[in-house]
N, C-alpha and C. Protein backbone atom coordinates (compact mmCIF):
# COMPACT_ATOMS: atom_id res chain seq x y z
N MET A 1 -16.79 14.26 5.36
CA MET A 1 -17.64 13.47 6.39
C MET A 1 -18.71 13.05 5.17
N THR A 2 -19.52 12.23 5.49
CA THR A 2 -20.83 11.58 5.24
C THR A 2 -21.09 11.31 6.30
N THR A 3 -22.74 11.44 6.23
CA THR A 3 -23.58 11.42 7.48
C THR A 3 -24.67 9.98 7.24
N ILE A 4 -24.70 9.55 7.85
CA ILE A 4 -25.54 8.34 8.08
C ILE A 4 -26.88 8.78 8.82
N TYR A 5 -28.18 8.44 7.79
CA TYR A 5 -29.23 8.74 8.47
C TYR A 5 -29.87 7.72 9.08
N MET A 6 -30.06 6.44 10.23
CA MET A 6 -30.35 5.72 10.52
C MET A 6 -31.71 5.72 11.81
N HIS A 7 -32.23 4.67 12.17
CA HIS A 7 -32.80 4.26 13.67
C HIS A 7 -31.54 3.59 14.31
N PRO A 8 -32.34 3.55 15.71
CA PRO A 8 -31.95 3.18 16.47
C PRO A 8 -32.42 1.61 16.35
N THR A 9 -31.75 0.54 15.69
CA THR A 9 -32.16 -0.49 15.27
C THR A 9 -31.42 -2.02 16.01
N ALA A 10 -32.26 -2.91 16.07
CA ALA A 10 -31.63 -3.79 16.08
C ALA A 10 -31.82 -5.19 15.01
N HIS A 11 -31.87 -4.55 14.18
CA HIS A 11 -32.28 -5.49 12.94
C HIS A 11 -31.88 -4.63 11.48
N PHE A 12 -32.16 -5.79 10.54
CA PHE A 12 -31.43 -4.97 9.01
C PHE A 12 -32.18 -3.60 8.76
N GLU A 13 -31.36 -3.00 8.38
CA GLU A 13 -32.48 -1.35 7.61
C GLU A 13 -31.69 -0.89 6.67
N ARG A 14 -32.41 -0.16 5.55
CA ARG A 14 -32.21 0.45 4.59
C ARG A 14 -32.13 1.93 5.20
N VAL A 15 -30.61 2.15 4.96
CA VAL A 15 -30.50 3.99 5.24
C VAL A 15 -30.15 4.20 3.95
N ASN A 16 -30.05 6.35 4.34
CA ASN A 16 -29.70 7.07 3.12
C ASN A 16 -28.70 7.89 3.98
N LEU A 17 -27.67 8.02 2.87
CA LEU A 17 -26.67 9.05 3.58
C LEU A 17 -26.59 10.54 2.92
N SER A 18 -25.98 11.11 3.77
CA SER A 18 -26.13 12.76 3.31
C SER A 18 -25.45 13.19 1.84
N ASP A 19 -24.48 12.36 1.38
CA ASP A 19 -24.36 12.50 0.11
C ASP A 19 -26.00 11.95 -0.95
N GLY A 20 -26.96 12.02 -0.65
CA GLY A 20 -27.75 10.88 -2.01
C GLY A 20 -27.61 9.42 -1.86
N SER A 21 -26.51 8.76 -1.51
CA SER A 21 -26.54 7.20 -1.93
C SER A 21 -27.22 6.32 -0.79
N LYS A 22 -27.02 5.07 -0.80
CA LYS A 22 -27.84 4.62 0.01
C LYS A 22 -26.79 3.58 0.56
N ALA A 23 -27.25 2.70 1.48
CA ALA A 23 -26.76 1.83 2.23
C ALA A 23 -27.40 1.01 2.94
N ALA A 24 -27.28 -0.25 3.60
CA ALA A 24 -28.15 -0.90 4.48
C ALA A 24 -26.99 -1.17 5.81
N VAL A 25 -27.83 -1.38 6.95
CA VAL A 25 -27.02 -2.09 7.98
C VAL A 25 -27.78 -2.82 8.54
N ASN A 26 -26.69 -4.04 8.80
CA ASN A 26 -27.17 -5.04 9.27
C ASN A 26 -26.42 -5.50 10.62
N VAL A 27 -27.21 -5.53 11.17
CA VAL A 27 -27.06 -6.23 12.93
C VAL A 27 -27.18 -7.67 13.26
N VAL A 28 -25.71 -7.88 13.66
CA VAL A 28 -25.31 -9.10 13.66
C VAL A 28 -25.18 -9.79 15.41
N LYS A 29 -25.66 -10.59 16.15
CA LYS A 29 -25.30 -11.01 17.45
C LYS A 29 -23.98 -11.46 17.13
N THR A 30 -22.76 -10.98 18.16
CA THR A 30 -21.60 -11.57 18.55
C THR A 30 -21.45 -12.39 19.97
N PRO A 31 -20.48 -12.76 19.88
CA PRO A 31 -20.55 -13.09 21.59
C PRO A 31 -20.38 -12.11 22.41
N LYS A 32 -19.30 -11.05 22.14
CA LYS A 32 -19.54 -9.87 22.41
C LYS A 32 -20.32 -9.02 22.64
N GLY A 33 -21.03 -9.49 21.48
CA GLY A 33 -22.58 -8.27 21.68
C GLY A 33 -23.22 -7.88 20.08
N GLN A 34 -23.37 -6.82 20.13
CA GLN A 34 -24.20 -6.50 18.59
C GLN A 34 -22.94 -5.76 17.58
N ARG A 35 -22.82 -6.62 16.40
CA ARG A 35 -21.96 -5.90 15.63
C ARG A 35 -22.79 -5.32 14.37
N TYR A 36 -22.41 -3.78 14.09
CA TYR A 36 -23.09 -3.51 12.97
C TYR A 36 -22.10 -3.41 11.87
N GLN A 37 -22.98 -3.75 10.64
CA GLN A 37 -22.29 -3.95 9.30
C GLN A 37 -23.01 -2.90 8.77
N PHE A 38 -22.25 -2.08 7.73
CA PHE A 38 -22.53 -0.93 6.66
C PHE A 38 -22.21 -1.40 5.62
N LEU A 39 -23.29 -1.63 4.94
CA LEU A 39 -22.97 -2.03 3.37
C LEU A 39 -23.76 -1.10 2.39
N PHE A 40 -22.35 -0.64 1.47
CA PHE A 40 -22.87 0.40 0.61
C PHE A 40 -22.78 0.06 -1.14
N ASN A 41 -24.22 1.06 -1.74
CA ASN A 41 -24.56 0.42 -2.60
C ASN A 41 -23.48 0.71 -3.94
N GLY A 42 -22.76 0.30 -4.58
CA GLY A 42 -21.48 0.91 -5.51
C GLY A 42 -20.37 0.77 -4.47
N HIS A 43 -19.60 1.43 -4.98
CA HIS A 43 -17.97 1.74 -4.80
C HIS A 43 -18.31 2.87 -4.17
N MET A 44 -18.81 4.11 -4.04
CA MET A 44 -18.71 5.11 -3.55
C MET A 44 -18.07 5.60 -2.07
N HIS A 45 -18.17 4.31 -1.61
CA HIS A 45 -17.79 4.35 0.03
C HIS A 45 -17.47 2.51 0.49
N PRO A 46 -16.51 2.93 1.33
CA PRO A 46 -15.90 1.21 1.75
C PRO A 46 -17.02 0.54 2.67
N ASN A 47 -17.32 -0.72 2.60
CA ASN A 47 -17.81 -1.40 3.32
C ASN A 47 -17.33 -1.38 5.09
N PHE A 48 -17.88 -1.34 6.06
CA PHE A 48 -17.37 -1.11 7.27
C PHE A 48 -18.42 -2.01 8.50
N TRP A 49 -17.53 -2.58 9.34
CA TRP A 49 -18.48 -2.99 10.75
C TRP A 49 -18.05 -2.12 12.03
N CYS A 50 -18.84 -1.93 12.60
CA CYS A 50 -18.49 -1.40 14.17
C CYS A 50 -19.04 -1.72 15.11
N ASP A 51 -18.59 -2.47 16.02
CA ASP A 51 -19.07 -3.66 17.45
C ASP A 51 -19.27 -2.38 18.85
N GLN A 52 -19.00 -1.54 18.41
CA GLN A 52 -19.60 -0.33 19.48
C GLN A 52 -20.79 -0.19 19.24
N PRO A 53 -21.85 0.14 20.77
CA PRO A 53 -23.20 0.87 20.45
C PRO A 53 -22.78 1.79 19.94
N ILE A 54 -24.33 2.37 18.98
CA ILE A 54 -24.57 3.08 18.18
C ILE A 54 -24.85 4.03 18.96
N LYS A 55 -24.04 5.29 18.59
CA LYS A 55 -25.25 6.77 19.41
C LYS A 55 -25.09 7.52 18.69
N ASN A 56 -26.25 8.58 18.81
CA ASN A 56 -26.03 9.46 17.97
C ASN A 56 -24.73 10.71 18.23
N GLY A 57 -24.50 11.10 16.63
CA GLY A 57 -23.24 12.12 16.74
C GLY A 57 -22.29 11.35 16.63
N GLN A 58 -21.98 9.95 16.70
CA GLN A 58 -21.01 9.24 17.14
C GLN A 58 -20.26 9.89 15.70
N THR A 59 -19.06 9.58 15.59
CA THR A 59 -17.75 9.52 14.31
C THR A 59 -17.50 8.39 14.28
N ILE A 60 -17.51 8.03 13.05
CA ILE A 60 -16.31 6.49 12.86
C ILE A 60 -15.55 6.75 11.74
N ASN A 61 -14.16 6.31 11.81
CA ASN A 61 -13.34 6.63 11.00
C ASN A 61 -12.71 5.00 10.62
N VAL A 62 -12.68 4.92 9.42
CA VAL A 62 -12.70 4.15 8.36
C VAL A 62 -11.44 3.96 7.55
N THR A 63 -10.36 3.06 7.50
CA THR A 63 -9.04 2.94 6.26
C THR A 63 -9.63 2.03 5.36
N SER A 64 -9.59 2.18 4.29
CA SER A 64 -9.57 1.42 3.19
C SER A 64 -8.56 1.29 2.20
N ILE A 65 -8.55 0.39 1.20
CA ILE A 65 -7.95 1.09 0.18
C ILE A 65 -7.70 1.90 -0.87
N ASP A 66 -9.01 2.57 -0.42
CA ASP A 66 -8.85 4.16 -0.89
C ASP A 66 -8.14 5.36 -0.19
N GLY A 67 -8.07 5.10 0.82
CA GLY A 67 -7.89 5.86 2.27
C GLY A 67 -8.79 6.35 2.87
N PRO A 68 -8.65 6.95 3.92
CA PRO A 68 -9.52 7.01 5.04
C PRO A 68 -11.07 7.93 4.61
N GLU A 69 -11.80 7.50 5.25
CA GLU A 69 -13.05 8.51 4.84
C GLU A 69 -13.94 8.29 6.35
N LYS A 70 -14.67 9.70 6.75
CA LYS A 70 -15.11 9.48 8.13
C LYS A 70 -16.67 9.22 7.84
N PHE A 71 -17.26 9.14 8.85
CA PHE A 71 -18.65 9.06 8.68
C PHE A 71 -19.40 9.09 10.12
N GLN A 72 -20.34 9.86 9.95
CA GLN A 72 -21.27 10.67 11.36
C GLN A 72 -22.85 9.93 11.53
N ILE A 73 -22.96 9.21 12.68
CA ILE A 73 -24.35 8.65 12.46
C ILE A 73 -25.43 9.83 13.38
N GLU A 74 -26.26 9.89 12.55
CA GLU A 74 -27.74 10.33 13.00
C GLU A 74 -28.46 9.68 13.02
N LEU A 75 -28.95 9.39 14.11
CA LEU A 75 -30.46 9.03 14.60
C LEU A 75 -31.52 9.85 14.41
N ARG A 76 -32.63 9.19 14.07
CA ARG A 76 -34.16 9.70 13.71
C ARG A 76 -34.79 8.88 14.62
């Protein structure tokens, strides 16, 4: 499992991951609420989005062409 270290944000933010890589989180307003887009540098992790409110300790399961991967959110 890879941990994403981020602030509770409503805007674009650059974030660090527990494996030393970096990513960006972009918050987009949708008719159903906020969507968090996670965009990773390189091809180490798959990009994904989350339509749920982000909570500390939350686990997000992502399935991609490379197989399943788990991420945990750690709010700072």
